[in-house]
């Protein structure tokens, strides 16, 4: 059995650590309705997991809204960010997994498509502020997921080769990004639909199952900084 040493773990945020996607969808839909339209499921599916600056291009184009993407993003953010505090909570098992890794002194990073202002609000609302060694947000990279840049940059800042880092994702664009960066990737989807995430090394049912996958016997060998 081939073993995969893991020296660092990089987390996605939306849909993985926090249950933010329903609130995001509500805000996009609320803005669309201001312009006499509504957010369709097929449009939302193409937007999930992408940077807001990229997702809004799809939003405006597919719904044929009479505003520019820049204006739509700014006005939609006013709706969304005002609703974040207290309404975004951590997914079950998130704090437990983070505590497990921190106890073993495994370097942790966040690699999220969200922009800095939103990420700060979301982490505070979910009680996850300050738990990561580094945080890479969508406004720090040129190319959003599924491009590998955000994960490559996270690994670079962690001083860890991508092949020795584990990415935790929930969405197809994120899985593609991590795999393209050369990382080990576990997918923890919110729904039973696994389409688009088949290339992940493991598809798990919960964040708690990540701990089980890192315990012996397992091909994934967690290497702490004390080893």
Protein backbone atom coordinates (compact mmCIF):
# COMPACT_ATOMS: atom_id res chain seq x y z
CA UNK A 1 0.00 0.00 0.00
CA UNK A 2 1.41 3.34 -1.06
CA UNK A 3 1.60 5.87 1.75
CA UNK A 4 0.92 9.58 1.34
CA UNK A 5 2.76 11.76 3.88
CA UNK A 6 0.75 14.83 4.88
CA UNK A 7 2.72 17.72 6.36
CA UNK A 8 0.07 20.46 6.10
CA UNK A 9 -3.68 20.78 5.62
CA UNK A 10 -5.41 23.46 3.53
CA UNK A 11 -9.12 24.13 4.03
CA UNK A 12 -11.72 25.58 1.73
CA UNK A 13 -14.24 27.78 3.54
CA UNK A 14 -17.71 28.02 1.98
CA UNK A 15 -19.64 24.77 1.99
CA UNK A 16 -16.83 22.93 3.76
CA UNK A 17 -16.12 24.69 7.05
CA UNK A 18 -19.15 26.95 7.16
CA UNK A 19 -22.73 26.68 5.99
CA UNK A 20 -22.71 29.88 3.97
CA UNK A 21 -23.94 28.83 0.55
CA UNK A 22 -27.70 29.13 1.33
CA UNK A 23 -27.12 32.69 2.55
CA UNK A 24 -25.04 33.50 -0.51
CA UNK A 25 -27.72 32.10 -2.81
CA UNK A 26 -30.38 34.14 -0.98
CA UNK A 27 -28.37 37.34 -1.46
CA UNK A 28 -27.79 36.69 -5.18
CA UNK A 29 -31.48 35.92 -5.64
CA UNK A 30 -32.58 38.98 -3.64
CA UNK A 31 -30.44 41.17 -5.88
CA UNK A 32 -31.72 39.49 -9.05
CA UNK A 33 -35.31 40.11 -7.93
CA UNK A 34 -34.54 43.81 -7.56
CA UNK A 35 -34.01 43.72 -11.33
CA UNK A 36 -37.07 41.66 -12.17
CA UNK A 37 -35.26 38.33 -12.45
CA UNK A 38 -34.51 35.37 -10.19
CA UNK A 39 -31.53 33.12 -9.59
CA UNK A 40 -31.84 29.80 -11.43
CA UNK A 41 -30.36 26.59 -10.05
CA UNK A 42 -28.25 26.00 -13.16
CA UNK A 43 -26.72 29.48 -12.88
CA UNK A 44 -26.02 29.01 -9.16
CA UNK A 45 -24.28 25.69 -9.85
CA UNK A 46 -21.86 27.44 -12.22
CA UNK A 47 -21.17 30.14 -9.64
CA UNK A 48 -20.45 28.01 -6.57
CA UNK A 49 -16.81 27.66 -5.52
CA UNK A 50 -15.66 30.59 -7.66
CA UNK A 51 -14.45 34.03 -6.63
CA UNK A 52 -17.27 36.55 -6.42
CA UNK A 53 -15.53 38.64 -9.09
CA UNK A 54 -15.72 35.63 -11.43
CA UNK A 55 -19.14 34.36 -10.34
CA UNK A 56 -20.77 37.74 -10.93
CA UNK A 57 -19.79 37.58 -14.61
CA UNK A 58 -21.88 34.41 -14.97
CA UNK A 59 -24.67 35.92 -12.85
CA UNK A 60 -25.06 39.08 -14.92
CA UNK A 61 -24.56 37.38 -18.30
CA UNK A 62 -26.84 34.37 -17.79
CA UNK A 63 -29.64 36.39 -16.19
CA UNK A 64 -29.22 39.23 -18.70
CA UNK A 65 -29.28 41.85 -15.96
CA UNK A 66 -29.17 45.53 -17.02
CA UNK A 67 -26.15 46.35 -14.82
CA UNK A 68 -22.40 45.93 -15.11
CA UNK A 69 -20.70 43.11 -13.17
CA UNK A 70 -18.84 45.66 -11.03
CA UNK A 71 -22.05 47.39 -9.99
CA UNK A 72 -23.86 44.09 -9.42
CA UNK A 73 -21.09 42.77 -7.20
CA UNK A 74 -20.90 45.95 -5.13
CA UNK A 75 -24.66 46.16 -4.62
CA UNK A 76 -25.08 42.44 -3.98
CA UNK A 77 -22.27 42.56 -1.40
CA UNK A 78 -24.18 45.23 0.52
CA UNK A 79 -27.07 42.78 0.90
CA UNK A 80 -24.91 39.76 1.67
CA UNK A 81 -22.36 41.20 4.08
CA UNK A 82 -25.03 42.87 6.18
CA UNK A 83 -26.59 39.43 6.71
CA UNK A 84 -23.41 37.49 7.58
CA UNK A 85 -22.88 38.23 11.32
CA UNK A 86 -24.56 35.57 13.42
CA UNK A 87 -26.02 33.72 10.43
CA UNK A 88 -22.94 31.84 9.24
CA UNK A 89 -22.02 28.97 11.54
CA UNK A 90 -19.36 26.26 11.46
CA UNK A 91 -20.30 22.88 10.06
CA UNK A 92 -20.50 19.97 12.45
CA UNK A 93 -17.04 18.54 13.09
CA UNK A 94 -15.14 21.63 11.90
CA UNK A 95 -13.84 22.71 15.32
CA UNK A 96 -13.12 19.09 16.27
CA UNK A 97 -11.00 18.51 13.14
CA UNK A 98 -9.11 21.78 13.54
CA UNK A 99 -8.39 20.99 17.21
CA UNK A 100 -7.20 17.50 16.23
CA UNK A 101 -4.73 18.91 13.71
CA UNK A 102 -3.53 21.76 15.91
CA UNK A 103 -2.88 19.36 18.80
CA UNK A 104 -0.55 17.52 16.43
CA UNK A 105 1.06 20.79 15.35
CA UNK A 106 0.15 20.33 11.71
CA UNK A 107 0.38 23.65 9.79
CA UNK A 108 -3.05 24.83 8.66
CA UNK A 109 -4.07 27.18 5.87
CA UNK A 110 -7.27 28.57 4.45
CA UNK A 111 -7.62 28.84 0.65
CA UNK A 112 -10.94 30.45 -0.14
CA UNK A 113 -12.48 32.15 -3.14
CA UNK A 114 -14.07 34.69 -0.78
CA UNK A 115 -12.68 38.21 -0.57
CA UNK A 116 -10.95 39.49 2.58
CA UNK A 117 -13.82 41.53 4.01
CA UNK A 118 -16.25 38.63 3.74
CA UNK A 119 -13.77 36.04 5.03
CA UNK A 120 -13.10 38.07 8.19
CA UNK A 121 -16.84 38.39 8.87
CA UNK A 122 -17.53 34.70 8.16
CA UNK A 123 -14.69 33.38 10.34
CA UNK A 124 -15.75 35.62 13.21
CA UNK A 125 -19.39 34.60 12.87
CA UNK A 126 -18.41 30.90 12.86
CA UNK A 127 -15.98 31.20 15.78
CA UNK A 128 -12.98 30.31 13.60
CA UNK A 129 -10.98 33.54 13.69
CA UNK A 130 -7.25 33.03 14.20
CA UNK A 131 -7.17 29.24 13.84
CA UNK A 132 -5.13 29.19 10.60
CA UNK A 133 -1.42 29.79 10.22
CA UNK A 134 -2.04 31.50 6.90
CA UNK A 135 -5.14 32.64 5.01
CA UNK A 136 -5.26 33.06 1.24
CA UNK A 137 -8.34 34.85 -0.10
CA UNK A 138 -9.67 35.24 -3.61
CA UNK A 139 -8.49 38.83 -3.90
CA UNK A 140 -4.87 37.73 -3.32
CA UNK A 141 -4.63 35.69 -6.53
CA UNK A 142 -5.00 36.42 -10.22
CA UNK A 143 -6.89 33.26 -11.14
CA UNK A 144 -9.71 31.75 -9.09
CA UNK A 145 -10.64 28.09 -8.71
CA UNK A 146 -10.59 25.76 -10.67
CA UNK A 147 -7.19 27.25 -11.57
CA UNK A 148 -4.54 25.82 -9.18
CA UNK A 149 -3.01 29.20 -8.28
CA UNK A 150 -4.70 29.65 -4.90
CA UNK A 151 -3.59 26.22 -3.65
CA UNK A 152 -0.11 26.61 -5.08
CA UNK A 153 0.23 29.92 -3.27
CA UNK A 154 -1.07 28.45 0.00
CA UNK A 155 1.49 25.63 -0.16
CA UNK A 156 4.23 28.10 -1.00
CA UNK A 157 3.38 30.21 2.04
CA UNK A 158 3.27 27.06 4.20
CA UNK A 159 6.69 26.08 2.80
CA UNK A 160 5.24 22.66 1.99
CA UNK A 161 5.41 20.83 -1.38
CA UNK A 162 1.88 20.41 -2.80
CA UNK A 163 2.28 16.64 -2.95
CA UNK A 164 2.76 16.64 0.85
CA UNK A 165 -0.29 18.79 1.57
CA UNK A 166 -3.92 17.78 1.98
CA UNK A 167 -6.70 19.94 0.54
CA UNK A 168 -10.19 19.67 1.98
CA UNK A 169 -12.91 20.70 -0.47
CA UNK A 170 -16.64 20.35 -1.07
CA UNK A 171 -17.21 21.56 -4.64
CA UNK A 172 -16.06 20.46 -8.11
CA UNK A 173 -14.16 23.69 -8.85
CA UNK A 174 -12.22 23.36 -5.61
CA UNK A 175 -11.40 19.70 -6.18
CA UNK A 176 -10.14 20.50 -9.68
CA UNK A 177 -8.02 23.33 -8.30
CA UNK A 178 -6.38 21.18 -5.62
CA UNK A 179 -5.74 18.22 -7.94
CA UNK A 180 -4.25 20.53 -10.58
CA UNK A 181 -1.93 21.92 -7.91
CA UNK A 182 -0.66 18.38 -7.27
CA UNK A 183 -2.18 17.99 -3.80
CA UNK A 184 -3.90 15.14 -2.03
CA UNK A 185 -7.59 16.06 -1.95
CA UNK A 186 -10.45 14.85 0.24
CA UNK A 187 -13.92 15.97 -0.84
CA UNK A 188 -16.61 16.45 1.81
CA UNK A 189 -19.68 17.43 -0.24
CA UNK A 190 -22.77 18.91 1.37
CA UNK A 191 -25.09 16.88 -0.84
CA UNK A 192 -25.30 13.25 -1.92
CA UNK A 193 -24.51 14.32 -5.49
CA UNK A 194 -20.86 13.45 -6.09
CA UNK A 195 -20.73 14.53 -9.73
CA UNK A 196 -17.66 16.60 -10.48
CA UNK A 197 -15.68 15.46 -7.44
CA UNK A 198 -14.78 11.95 -8.56
CA UNK A 199 -11.12 12.87 -8.98
CA UNK A 200 -10.71 13.51 -5.25
CA UNK A 201 -8.55 10.93 -3.49
CA UNK A 202 -11.38 10.31 -1.01
CA UNK A 203 -15.03 11.35 -0.88
CA UNK A 204 -16.19 11.53 2.74
CA UNK A 205 -19.50 12.04 4.46
CA UNK A 206 -18.40 14.47 7.17
CA UNK A 207 -15.46 16.44 8.52
CA UNK A 208 -15.21 13.94 11.38
CA UNK A 209 -14.46 11.23 8.83
CA UNK A 210 -11.33 13.18 7.88
CA UNK A 211 -9.92 12.31 11.31
CA UNK A 212 -10.67 8.62 10.70
CA UNK A 213 -8.84 8.76 7.37
CA UNK A 214 -5.76 10.18 9.08
CA UNK A 215 -5.65 7.50 11.77
CA UNK A 216 -3.90 4.14 11.39
CA UNK A 217 -4.43 1.98 9.43
CA UNK A 218 -4.52 4.40 6.52
CA UNK A 219 -2.45 5.22 3.43
CA UNK A 220 -2.41 8.85 4.62
CA UNK A 221 0.34 9.44 7.14
CA UNK A 222 0.00 12.63 9.16
CA UNK A 223 3.40 14.12 9.93
CA UNK A 224 3.43 16.74 12.69
CA UNK A 225 6.07 19.42 13.11
CA UNK A 226 7.29 17.57 16.20
CA UNK A 227 8.09 14.42 14.22
